[in-house]
Amino acid sequence: MPSGRPQAGTNIDLALVESGHAFVFRRFLNQCDAKAYLAAEQQAIRRRAGVWQVPGGLSRPWDFRRERRSGVTSLSADGAMQAA
């Protein structure tokens, strides 16, 4: 996706995944074109685009929330999660 405003008819969700600015939420893949989303995510991973450029990776939002609910509540100075 070129920089700037998206063109009419652009699938914004897919464009965000392609650019590495969103994760594929596999739980809801049955509601969309699963192959396109998974291919877009793999492409972003290979290009190390967006969230995929962070060394060691990022927690996916649903994993982060699950960890918070299980008692992991704060981040250390280096960004690592710490137990409460």
Foldseek 3Di string as FASTA:
>chain_A
DDPDDDDPPDPVVLVCLLQQNAADPVVCCVVDVNVSSVVSNVNCCVVCGHQNVDVVGDDHPVRVVVVVVVAFPDADPVGHTDGD
